[in-house]
Amino acid sequence: MSDAYKKAYEREKISRQSAEILLDEKTREVQANIDMIQQQFNDLRQQKKESDYLLSVARLSQNDLGLASIIKQYLLSTIGFLEAKVGRYTYLKDSVLVIGKALGVIGDLPKFSDAFYKTLYQQENRSTLKLSDIGCEEVNLVMDPLDIDRVAFIPIKCFGKTSTVCEIFLPKNTKFNAEMLEQCLVAGYQIGGMVEKSLNSKKLEMSYQEIKASNETIKKTQNQLVQSEKMASLGQLAAGVAHEINNPIGFVMSNVGTLKEYSEVLEGYVKLANSLSESIDSEDARALKEIDDDEDVAVMVNDIKSIVSDCSDGLKRVKDIVANLKSFARSDEEKNEPFNLNECIEKTLKVVWNELKYNVTLNRHFDNKIALVKGHEGQVGQVIMNMLVNAGQAMESPGEITLSTSQKNEWVILSIRDTGKGISKEVMDKIFDPFFTTKEVNEGTGLGLSISYGIIEKHGGNIQVNSKESEGTEFIITLPQSV
């Protein structure tokens, strides 16, 4: 081999070695870049996975789900995020542990010991334990065929206390790091906030409804108190007026009785005078006969008897009205005593009949064997009066009011049915509200039915109403019988 060839060979060898070294360096550099890109890709994929997980949990707050559904969806999202096979959640309800149904590849999973759960609920943070360390053979027997050896516990706190614990069962080959569990714990905080918000909303709604109901009760009570004061004052006034009327009625009736007796004497006297004037021929007899011919004294005497009789009957009616008015007006002074509902209706009719007689035909269907009712007869009479007046005012043309009483088991029932214009469906739910009325201004206060409802409710009874427009209305008052 010539020297020139050797030198060329050596140069070629050195060049090839340099190229191999350079190629090796470039290869390592490319591989490092590939490894870096792969690591970045893995990091991005993990970040996306974490973002998707947290986003799926955050979306739960936008759905109108119940508490159990929120926990279940969170558990399913966490199982997928940690690439687990099985999960379940437990929670405390009134200090009692409730075990939820397992989610994943199995549906039935034994529980851990009560002592273990007691310790678990006292922990503040998440934890991961090997099943062998927990020492629950029933769980191990189920998990061994699934190659599961660990379980992660994620607490969910509500108002500072652990209320729910999610159990995530992990296979041996699952790769995850502590940061992933931290993400699960952060998501658990979000779920706890949702639970608190939901519970607060429910409590707020309940408080609002309680306050609203209390306010309505207070308003209703205030309105009834105002009306009760008015009715009490009106009752006292009516009782006073009735008492004052009673005295003049007494002596007028006495005078009418005396006048009746006098009219009978005058009748005999006129007959005798006429007989004498016929049998005696004198100037006085002729004058007496002339007066009788001109005035017809016998007819006058008969008219006087009829007038006195009518006045006597009228005064008796006035006296009955005054007596019933006094009985009606003393309702606030009465004690709870048994009374006959039929008699109460009759007394009320005598007071209110003047409002009805021109436009109403009254029908009575009373059960004379109904039991006595215990309560304030005057107050129940006030209810009946309100119903009758309303029924009369509902008549746009002459109609009928039918009053029926009956008894069913231990209840005494009164039905007041009219043939008036009826009540529309739009206002049916409002008729017992204070100050609600369909009457014109200055024709009604809207308190009659409200007060009536309160009185019957106070007596332990109830009022039902059935009505059809253009056909009429029926109020059914049910009262307990006196024991």
Protein backbone atom coordinates (compact mmCIF):
# COMPACT_ATOMS: atom_id res chain seq x y z
CA MET A 1 0.00 0.00 0.00
CA SER A 2 1.46 3.35 -1.06
CA ASP A 3 1.98 6.19 1.40
CA ALA A 4 -0.50 8.36 -0.43
CA TYR A 5 -3.16 5.67 -0.07
CA LYS A 6 -2.48 5.24 3.64
CA LYS A 7 -2.76 8.93 4.26
CA ALA A 8 -6.07 9.08 2.37
CA TYR A 9 -7.33 6.09 4.32
CA GLU A 10 -6.40 7.69 7.61
CA ARG A 11 -8.10 10.94 6.66
CA GLU A 12 -11.24 9.03 5.68
CA LYS A 13 -11.20 7.10 8.95
CA ILE A 14 -10.86 10.27 10.99
CA SER A 15 -13.67 11.92 9.03
CA ARG A 16 -15.95 8.91 9.53
CA GLN A 17 -15.25 8.85 13.26
CA SER A 18 -15.99 12.57 13.50
CA ALA A 19 -19.22 12.08 11.56
CA GLU A 20 -20.25 9.21 13.84
CA ILE A 21 -19.53 11.29 16.90
CA LEU A 22 -21.53 14.20 15.46
CA LEU A 23 -24.35 11.86 14.45
CA ASP A 24 -24.42 10.35 17.94
CA GLU A 25 -24.57 13.80 19.50
CA LYS A 26 -27.35 14.88 17.16
CA THR A 27 -29.23 11.64 17.83
CA ARG A 28 -29.00 12.17 21.60
CA GLU A 29 -30.07 15.79 21.12
CA VAL A 30 -33.07 14.73 18.99
CA GLN A 31 -34.00 12.02 21.52
CA ALA A 32 -33.75 14.55 24.33
CA ASN A 33 -36.05 16.86 22.38
CA ILE A 34 -38.44 13.99 21.74
CA ASP A 35 -38.41 13.05 25.43
CA MET A 36 -39.00 16.69 26.39
CA ILE A 37 -41.86 17.00 23.90
CA GLN A 38 -43.33 13.74 25.16
CA GLN A 39 -43.06 14.98 28.73
CA GLN A 40 -44.70 18.26 27.78
CA PHE A 41 -47.38 16.35 25.91
CA ASN A 42 -47.96 14.14 28.94
CA ASP A 43 -48.09 17.21 31.18
CA LEU A 44 -50.55 18.92 28.83
CA ARG A 45 -52.66 15.78 28.68
CA GLN A 46 -52.62 15.55 32.48
CA GLN A 47 -53.50 19.22 32.77
CA LYS A 48 -56.35 18.75 30.32
CA LYS A 49 -57.51 15.74 32.28
CA GLU A 50 -57.44 17.76 35.49
CA SER A 51 -59.17 20.70 33.81
CA ASP A 52 -61.88 18.44 32.40
CA TYR A 53 -62.34 16.88 35.82
CA LEU A 54 -62.61 20.18 37.66
CA LEU A 55 -64.87 21.57 34.93
CA SER A 56 -67.20 18.56 35.18
CA VAL A 57 -67.42 19.11 38.93
CA ALA A 58 -67.99 22.85 38.51
CA ARG A 59 -70.84 22.18 36.07
CA LEU A 60 -72.71 20.32 38.79
CA SER A 61 -73.50 23.67 40.42
CA GLN A 62 -75.28 24.78 37.25
CA ASN A 63 -77.71 21.86 37.32
CA ASP A 64 -80.79 21.68 39.50
CA LEU A 65 -79.81 18.40 41.12
CA GLY A 66 -80.55 17.04 44.56
CA LEU A 67 -77.79 16.51 47.11
CA ALA A 68 -77.59 12.76 46.48
CA SER A 69 -77.32 13.29 42.71
CA ILE A 70 -74.53 15.88 43.14
CA ILE A 71 -72.47 13.49 45.30
CA LYS A 72 -73.08 10.62 42.89
CA GLN A 73 -71.97 12.66 39.85
CA TYR A 74 -68.88 13.87 41.74
CA LEU A 75 -68.01 10.28 42.64
CA LEU A 76 -68.39 9.11 39.03
CA SER A 77 -66.17 11.96 37.79
CA THR A 78 -63.52 11.15 40.42
CA ILE A 79 -63.56 7.44 39.51
CA GLY A 80 -62.88 8.35 35.90
CA PHE A 81 -60.20 10.91 36.79
CA LEU A 82 -58.22 8.43 38.96
CA GLU A 83 -58.85 5.57 36.48
CA ALA A 84 -60.37 3.51 39.28
CA LYS A 85 -62.76 0.58 38.93
CA VAL A 86 -65.07 0.96 41.93
CA GLY A 87 -66.27 3.76 44.17
CA ARG A 88 -68.96 4.53 46.72
CA TYR A 89 -69.85 7.21 49.24
CA THR A 90 -71.04 7.19 52.81
CA TYR A 91 -72.71 10.04 54.69
CA LEU A 92 -74.01 10.95 58.11
CA LYS A 93 -77.74 11.54 58.51
CA ASP A 94 -78.82 12.59 61.99
CA SER A 95 -75.52 11.16 63.32
CA VAL A 96 -76.26 7.77 61.71
CA LEU A 97 -73.91 6.40 59.04
CA VAL A 98 -75.57 5.60 55.70
CA ILE A 99 -73.72 3.43 53.16
CA GLY A 100 -74.35 4.31 49.52
CA LYS A 101 -74.53 1.84 46.66
CA ALA A 102 -71.22 1.00 44.98
CA LEU A 103 -70.60 2.46 41.50
CA GLY A 104 -68.41 0.88 38.82
CA VAL A 105 -67.78 -2.71 37.88
CA ILE A 106 -69.62 -4.12 40.92
CA GLY A 107 -72.86 -3.13 42.58
CA ASP A 108 -72.55 -4.80 45.98
CA LEU A 109 -69.66 -4.05 48.31
CA PRO A 110 -69.29 -4.92 52.01
CA LYS A 111 -68.75 -2.05 54.39
CA PHE A 112 -65.77 -1.45 56.62
CA SER A 113 -66.08 -1.73 60.38
CA ASP A 114 -67.98 0.91 62.39
CA ALA A 115 -64.80 1.67 64.36
CA PHE A 116 -62.92 2.35 61.12
CA TYR A 117 -65.63 4.72 59.86
CA LYS A 118 -65.66 6.53 63.21
CA THR A 119 -61.92 7.19 62.84
CA LEU A 120 -62.32 8.05 59.15
CA TYR A 121 -64.91 10.78 59.81
CA GLN A 122 -62.62 12.40 62.35
CA GLN A 123 -59.90 12.98 59.73
CA GLU A 124 -59.51 16.43 58.20
CA ASN A 125 -57.67 15.52 54.97
CA ARG A 126 -57.72 12.94 52.18
CA SER A 127 -55.86 9.68 52.66
CA THR A 128 -54.85 6.52 50.78
CA LEU A 129 -54.63 3.15 52.50
CA LYS A 130 -53.83 -0.38 51.42
CA LEU A 131 -56.72 -2.77 51.86
CA SER A 132 -54.41 -5.11 53.75
CA ASP A 133 -53.80 -2.37 56.33
CA ILE A 134 -57.52 -1.81 56.89
CA GLY A 135 -58.06 -5.47 57.70
CA CYS A 136 -61.54 -6.08 56.33
CA GLU A 137 -61.59 -9.62 54.90
CA GLU A 138 -65.06 -9.23 53.33
CA VAL A 139 -63.84 -6.30 51.23
CA ASN A 140 -60.57 -8.06 50.36
CA LEU A 141 -62.42 -11.10 49.04
CA VAL A 142 -64.37 -8.89 46.63
CA MET A 143 -61.38 -6.78 45.53
CA ASP A 144 -58.73 -9.51 45.04
CA PRO A 145 -60.25 -10.84 41.76
CA LEU A 146 -60.31 -7.24 40.46
CA ASP A 147 -56.61 -6.78 41.36
CA ILE A 148 -57.51 -3.83 43.62
CA ASP A 149 -55.22 -3.26 46.60
CA ARG A 150 -55.74 0.40 47.63
CA VAL A 151 -58.54 2.76 48.48
CA ALA A 152 -58.45 6.57 48.50
CA PHE A 153 -60.76 8.41 50.92
CA ILE A 154 -61.88 11.93 49.90
CA PRO A 155 -63.80 13.83 52.62
CA ILE A 156 -66.54 16.35 51.76
CA LYS A 157 -67.10 18.93 54.46
CA CYS A 158 -70.26 20.82 55.18
CA PHE A 159 -70.21 23.75 57.60
CA GLY A 160 -66.72 22.75 58.78
CA LYS A 161 -67.49 19.09 59.52
CA THR A 162 -67.00 15.98 57.41
CA SER A 163 -70.49 14.94 56.31
CA THR A 164 -69.62 12.63 53.40
CA VAL A 165 -66.62 10.43 52.49
CA CYS A 166 -66.02 9.12 48.98
CA GLU A 167 -64.19 5.78 48.71
CA ILE A 168 -62.19 5.27 45.46
CA PHE A 169 -60.86 1.71 45.02
CA LEU A 170 -57.64 1.65 42.92
CA PRO A 171 -56.06 -1.24 40.98
CA LYS A 172 -52.37 -2.10 41.52
CA ASN A 173 -51.27 -0.80 38.12
CA THR A 174 -52.97 2.59 38.51
CA LYS A 175 -50.47 5.44 38.14
CA PHE A 176 -51.37 8.62 39.95
CA ASN A 177 -49.61 11.10 42.15
CA ALA A 178 -50.42 13.06 45.25
CA GLU A 179 -51.29 16.12 43.17
CA MET A 180 -54.19 14.22 41.61
CA LEU A 181 -55.58 13.44 45.04
CA GLU A 182 -55.18 17.10 45.93
CA GLN A 183 -57.25 17.97 42.86
CA CYS A 184 -59.91 15.54 44.07
CA LEU A 185 -59.83 17.19 47.48
CA VAL A 186 -60.20 20.66 45.91
CA ALA A 187 -63.16 19.37 43.91
CA GLY A 188 -64.54 17.97 47.18
CA TYR A 189 -64.37 21.48 48.63
CA GLN A 190 -66.48 22.68 45.69
CA ILE A 191 -69.03 19.95 46.34
CA GLY A 192 -69.12 20.87 50.02
CA GLY A 193 -69.82 24.47 49.04
CA MET A 194 -72.65 23.33 46.76
CA VAL A 195 -74.14 21.24 49.58
CA GLU A 196 -73.91 24.17 51.98
CA LYS A 197 -75.51 26.48 49.43
CA SER A 198 -78.32 23.99 48.80
CA LEU A 199 -78.97 23.50 52.51
CA ASN A 200 -78.86 27.24 53.13
CA SER A 201 -81.32 27.80 50.29
CA LYS A 202 -83.69 25.23 51.74
CA LYS A 203 -83.39 26.72 55.22
CA LEU A 204 -83.91 30.20 53.79
CA GLU A 205 -86.96 29.05 51.86
CA MET A 206 -88.38 27.32 54.93
CA SER A 207 -87.73 30.40 57.05
CA TYR A 208 -89.34 32.59 54.41
CA GLN A 209 -92.41 30.37 54.26
CA GLU A 210 -92.65 30.28 58.07
CA ILE A 211 -92.31 34.07 58.27
CA LYS A 212 -94.84 34.49 55.46
CA ALA A 213 -97.30 32.15 57.17
CA SER A 214 -96.75 33.89 60.52
CA ASN A 215 -97.24 37.28 58.89
CA GLU A 216 -100.47 36.12 57.25
CA THR A 217 -101.65 34.71 60.57
CA ILE A 218 -100.81 37.96 62.35
CA LYS A 219 -102.58 40.03 59.68
CA LYS A 220 -105.60 37.75 59.83
CA THR A 221 -105.63 37.88 63.63
CA GLN A 222 -105.27 41.66 63.63
CA ASN A 223 -108.13 42.04 61.17
CA GLN A 224 -110.30 39.71 63.19
CA LEU A 225 -109.42 41.54 66.40
CA VAL A 226 -110.37 44.86 64.84
CA GLN A 227 -113.62 43.43 63.58
CA SER A 228 -114.23 41.65 66.89
CA GLU A 229 -113.82 44.95 68.72
CA LYS A 230 -116.25 46.57 66.31
CA MET A 231 -118.71 43.71 66.72
CA ALA A 232 -118.31 43.80 70.50
CA SER A 233 -119.02 47.54 70.54
CA LEU A 234 -121.91 47.03 68.15
CA GLY A 235 -123.20 44.21 70.33
CA GLN A 236 -123.09 46.37 73.44
CA LEU A 237 -124.82 49.17 71.55
CA ALA A 238 -127.44 46.78 70.21
CA ALA A 239 -127.98 45.32 73.69
CA GLY A 240 -128.39 48.83 75.11
CA VAL A 241 -130.77 49.87 72.34
CA ALA A 242 -132.75 46.65 72.78
CA HIS A 243 -132.98 47.30 76.50
CA GLU A 244 -134.17 50.87 75.94
CA ILE A 245 -136.71 49.74 73.35
CA ASN A 246 -137.94 46.97 75.62
CA ASN A 247 -139.32 49.39 78.24
CA PRO A 248 -141.58 51.50 75.94
CA ILE A 249 -142.69 48.35 74.16
CA GLY A 250 -143.78 46.98 77.52
CA PHE A 251 -146.07 49.85 78.46
CA VAL A 252 -147.34 50.25 74.87
CA MET A 253 -148.34 46.58 74.89
CA SER A 254 -150.00 47.10 78.26
CA ASN A 255 -151.92 50.09 76.90
CA VAL A 256 -152.91 48.18 73.79
CA GLY A 257 -154.23 45.41 76.02
CA THR A 258 -156.28 47.94 77.97
CA LEU A 259 -157.48 49.52 74.71
CA LYS A 260 -158.62 46.08 73.55
CA GLU A 261 -160.65 45.67 76.68
CA TYR A 262 -162.14 49.15 76.22
CA SER A 263 -163.03 48.36 72.60
CA GLU A 264 -164.98 45.33 73.74
CA VAL A 265 -166.91 47.50 76.26
CA LEU A 266 -167.55 50.14 73.59
CA GLU A 267 -168.84 47.46 71.24
CA GLY A 268 -171.47 46.43 73.77
CA TYR A 269 -172.29 50.02 74.52
CA VAL A 270 -172.79 50.84 70.82
CA LYS A 271 -175.08 47.86 70.35
CA LEU A 272 -177.19 48.89 73.32
CA ALA A 273 -177.32 52.53 72.17
CA ASN A 274 -178.47 51.48 68.72
CA SER A 275 -181.16 49.28 70.27
CA LEU A 276 -182.41 52.15 72.46
CA SER A 277 -182.40 54.61 69.56
CA GLU A 278 -184.66 52.23 67.63
CA SER A 279 -187.12 51.81 70.51
CA ILE A 280 -187.34 55.43 71.72
CA ASP A 281 -188.64 58.35 69.74
CA SER A 282 -186.80 61.38 71.03
CA GLU A 283 -184.52 64.09 69.77
CA ASP A 284 -181.44 62.40 71.30
CA ALA A 285 -182.44 59.06 69.83
CA ARG A 286 -182.88 60.60 66.41
CA ALA A 287 -179.46 62.36 66.72
CA LEU A 288 -177.84 59.13 67.79
CA LYS A 289 -179.37 57.29 64.87
CA GLU A 290 -178.28 60.05 62.48
CA ILE A 291 -174.65 59.74 63.69
CA ASP A 292 -174.82 55.98 63.24
CA ASP A 293 -176.19 56.39 59.73
CA ASP A 294 -173.50 58.92 58.79
CA GLU A 295 -170.45 57.25 60.41
CA ASP A 296 -171.50 53.60 60.68
CA VAL A 297 -170.30 53.33 64.27
CA ALA A 298 -170.63 49.55 64.30
CA VAL A 299 -168.09 49.29 61.47
CA MET A 300 -165.78 51.69 63.29
CA VAL A 301 -165.94 49.55 66.41
CA ASN A 302 -165.09 46.45 64.40
CA ASP A 303 -162.19 48.31 62.74
CA ILE A 304 -160.95 49.41 66.16
CA LYS A 305 -160.91 45.76 67.28
CA SER A 306 -159.03 44.73 64.13
CA ILE A 307 -156.55 47.62 64.45
CA VAL A 308 -155.90 46.85 68.11
CA SER A 309 -155.40 43.18 67.27
CA ASP A 310 -152.95 44.04 64.48
CA CYS A 311 -151.06 46.43 66.76
CA SER A 312 -150.86 43.73 69.40
CA ASP A 313 -149.46 41.23 66.92
CA GLY A 314 -146.99 43.80 65.60
CA LEU A 315 -145.78 44.66 69.08
CA LYS A 316 -145.30 40.99 69.86
CA ARG A 317 -143.13 40.68 66.74
CA VAL A 318 -141.12 43.74 67.78
CA LYS A 319 -140.70 42.25 71.24
CA ASP A 320 -139.47 38.96 69.75
CA ILE A 321 -137.01 40.83 67.51
CA VAL A 322 -135.68 42.79 70.49
CA ALA A 323 -135.32 39.59 72.52
CA ASN A 324 -133.49 37.87 69.66
CA LEU A 325 -131.32 40.95 69.12
CA LYS A 326 -130.33 40.93 72.77
CA SER A 327 -129.53 37.23 72.55
CA PHE A 328 -127.53 37.78 69.36
CA ALA A 329 -125.68 40.80 70.73
CA ARG A 330 -124.38 39.07 73.86
CA SER A 331 -122.25 36.60 71.87
CA ASP A 332 -118.93 37.88 73.30
CA GLU A 333 -120.26 37.49 76.84
CA GLU A 334 -121.47 33.92 76.41
CA LYS A 335 -119.59 30.90 77.65
CA ASN A 336 -119.08 27.74 75.68
CA GLU A 337 -122.39 26.04 76.27
CA PRO A 338 -124.36 23.42 74.31
CA PHE A 339 -127.03 24.90 72.05
CA ASN A 340 -129.44 23.71 69.42
CA LEU A 341 -128.37 24.73 65.93
CA ASN A 342 -131.94 24.71 64.59
CA GLU A 343 -133.03 27.19 67.28
CA CYS A 344 -129.96 29.33 66.59
CA ILE A 345 -130.95 29.48 62.90
CA GLU A 346 -134.53 30.48 63.75
CA LYS A 347 -133.36 33.28 66.07
CA THR A 348 -131.00 34.59 63.40
CA LEU A 349 -133.74 34.48 60.75
CA LYS A 350 -135.95 36.70 62.88
CA VAL A 351 -133.17 39.30 63.02
CA VAL A 352 -132.24 39.18 59.34
CA TRP A 353 -135.59 38.38 57.72
CA ASN A 354 -136.32 42.00 56.91
CA GLU A 355 -133.27 41.92 54.57
CA LEU A 356 -134.53 38.86 52.74
CA LYS A 357 -138.33 38.85 52.64
CA TYR A 358 -138.78 40.97 49.51
CA ASN A 359 -136.52 38.89 47.24
CA VAL A 360 -136.16 35.45 48.80
CA THR A 361 -138.28 32.35 49.22
CA LEU A 362 -136.98 30.46 52.24
CA ASN A 363 -136.95 26.66 52.42
CA ARG A 364 -136.23 24.82 55.68
CA HIS A 365 -135.16 21.18 55.88
CA PHE A 366 -134.21 20.69 59.54
CA ASP A 367 -133.27 17.43 61.23
CA ASN A 368 -134.98 17.70 64.61
CA LYS A 369 -132.83 14.91 66.04
CA ILE A 370 -129.43 16.55 65.58
CA ALA A 371 -127.13 16.70 68.59
CA LEU A 372 -126.37 19.91 70.46
CA VAL A 373 -123.35 21.98 69.43
CA LYS A 374 -120.98 23.39 72.06
CA GLY A 375 -119.77 26.95 71.60
CA HIS A 376 -120.91 30.56 71.35
CA GLU A 377 -124.44 30.54 70.00
CA GLY A 378 -124.26 34.25 69.20
CA GLN A 379 -121.01 33.87 67.23
CA VAL A 380 -122.40 30.96 65.22
CA GLY A 381 -125.50 33.08 64.67
CA GLN A 382 -123.25 35.85 63.33
CA VAL A 383 -121.80 33.37 60.81
CA ILE A 384 -125.27 32.27 59.70
CA MET A 385 -126.36 35.91 59.41
CA ASN A 386 -123.34 36.72 57.22
CA MET A 387 -124.11 33.76 54.98
CA LEU A 388 -127.81 34.65 54.68
CA VAL A 389 -127.12 38.31 53.91
CA ASN A 390 -124.54 37.34 51.27
CA ALA A 391 -127.00 34.86 49.75
CA GLY A 392 -129.71 37.51 49.63
CA GLN A 393 -127.38 40.04 48.02
CA ALA A 394 -126.35 37.43 45.42
CA MET A 395 -129.93 37.35 44.13
CA GLU A 396 -130.20 39.54 41.04
CA SER A 397 -133.83 38.43 40.75
CA PRO A 398 -136.22 36.70 43.17
CA GLY A 399 -134.77 33.33 44.19
CA GLU A 400 -134.60 30.71 46.87
CA ILE A 401 -132.47 30.02 49.93
CA THR A 402 -132.55 26.50 51.30
CA LEU A 403 -131.41 25.79 54.86
CA SER A 404 -130.72 22.15 55.74
CA THR A 405 -129.38 20.60 58.93
CA SER A 406 -128.20 17.03 59.42
CA GLN A 407 -125.80 14.92 61.42
CA LYS A 408 -123.00 12.62 60.29
CA ASN A 409 -121.17 10.63 62.95
CA GLU A 410 -120.04 13.19 65.54
CA TRP A 411 -120.54 16.22 63.29
CA VAL A 412 -123.53 18.55 62.93
CA ILE A 413 -123.85 19.92 59.41
CA LEU A 414 -125.60 23.06 58.14
CA SER A 415 -126.08 23.67 54.41
CA ILE A 416 -126.99 27.16 53.13
CA ARG A 417 -127.77 26.97 49.42
CA ASP A 418 -128.94 29.85 47.23
CA THR A 419 -129.95 30.28 43.61
CA GLY A 420 -127.90 33.45 43.13
CA LYS A 421 -125.29 34.34 40.54
CA GLY A 422 -122.62 32.00 41.96
CA ILE A 423 -118.87 32.49 42.43
CA SER A 424 -116.34 32.40 39.59
CA LYS A 425 -113.36 30.01 39.69
CA GLU A 426 -110.98 32.98 39.53
CA VAL A 427 -112.03 34.28 42.96
CA MET A 428 -113.03 31.02 44.66
CA ASP A 429 -109.67 30.71 46.47
CA LYS A 430 -109.86 34.30 47.74
CA ILE A 431 -113.36 34.52 49.24
CA PHE A 432 -112.11 33.84 52.79
CA ASP A 433 -109.24 36.35 52.55
CA PRO A 434 -109.63 39.46 54.73
CA PHE A 435 -110.89 42.54 52.83
CA PHE A 436 -111.52 40.59 49.62
CA THR A 437 -114.91 41.44 48.12
CA THR A 438 -116.60 41.45 44.73
CA LYS A 439 -119.12 44.05 45.85
CA GLU A 440 -119.06 47.67 44.82
CA VAL A 441 -117.29 50.31 46.91
CA ASN A 442 -119.22 51.12 50.12
CA GLU A 443 -121.30 47.95 49.74
CA GLY A 444 -119.04 45.61 51.69
CA THR A 445 -115.80 45.45 53.70
CA GLY A 446 -114.73 41.96 52.65
CA LEU A 447 -114.51 40.83 56.27
CA GLY A 448 -117.74 38.85 56.69
CA LEU A 449 -116.55 35.51 55.29
CA SER A 450 -113.08 35.93 56.79
CA ILE A 451 -114.55 36.42 60.25
CA SER A 452 -117.02 33.59 59.68
CA TYR A 453 -114.20 31.24 58.73
CA GLY A 454 -112.25 32.20 61.85
CA ILE A 455 -115.27 31.67 64.12
CA ILE A 456 -116.04 28.21 62.73
CA GLU A 457 -112.36 27.25 62.85
CA LYS A 458 -112.22 28.38 66.49
CA HIS A 459 -115.19 26.11 67.20
CA GLY A 460 -113.26 23.15 65.77
CA GLY A 461 -115.30 23.01 62.57
CA ASN A 462 -114.82 23.92 58.92
CA ILE A 463 -116.56 25.65 56.02
CA GLN A 464 -116.73 24.24 52.50
CA VAL A 465 -118.12 26.01 49.46
CA ASN A 466 -119.54 24.66 46.21
CA SER A 467 -120.52 27.10 43.51
CA LYS A 468 -121.30 27.36 39.80
CA GLU A 469 -121.68 30.64 38.01
CA SER A 470 -125.30 31.50 37.15
CA GLU A 471 -126.54 28.50 39.16
CA GLY A 472 -125.91 29.36 42.79
CA THR A 473 -123.70 28.71 45.79
CA GLU A 474 -123.76 26.30 48.72
CA PHE A 475 -121.87 26.85 51.97
CA ILE A 476 -121.54 23.74 54.16
CA ILE A 477 -120.73 24.45 57.81
CA THR A 478 -119.56 21.46 59.85
CA LEU A 479 -119.42 21.72 63.65
CA PRO A 480 -118.49 19.11 66.27
CA GLN A 481 -121.31 17.96 68.49
CA SER A 482 -121.22 18.67 72.19
CA VAL A 483 -119.63 15.82 74.12
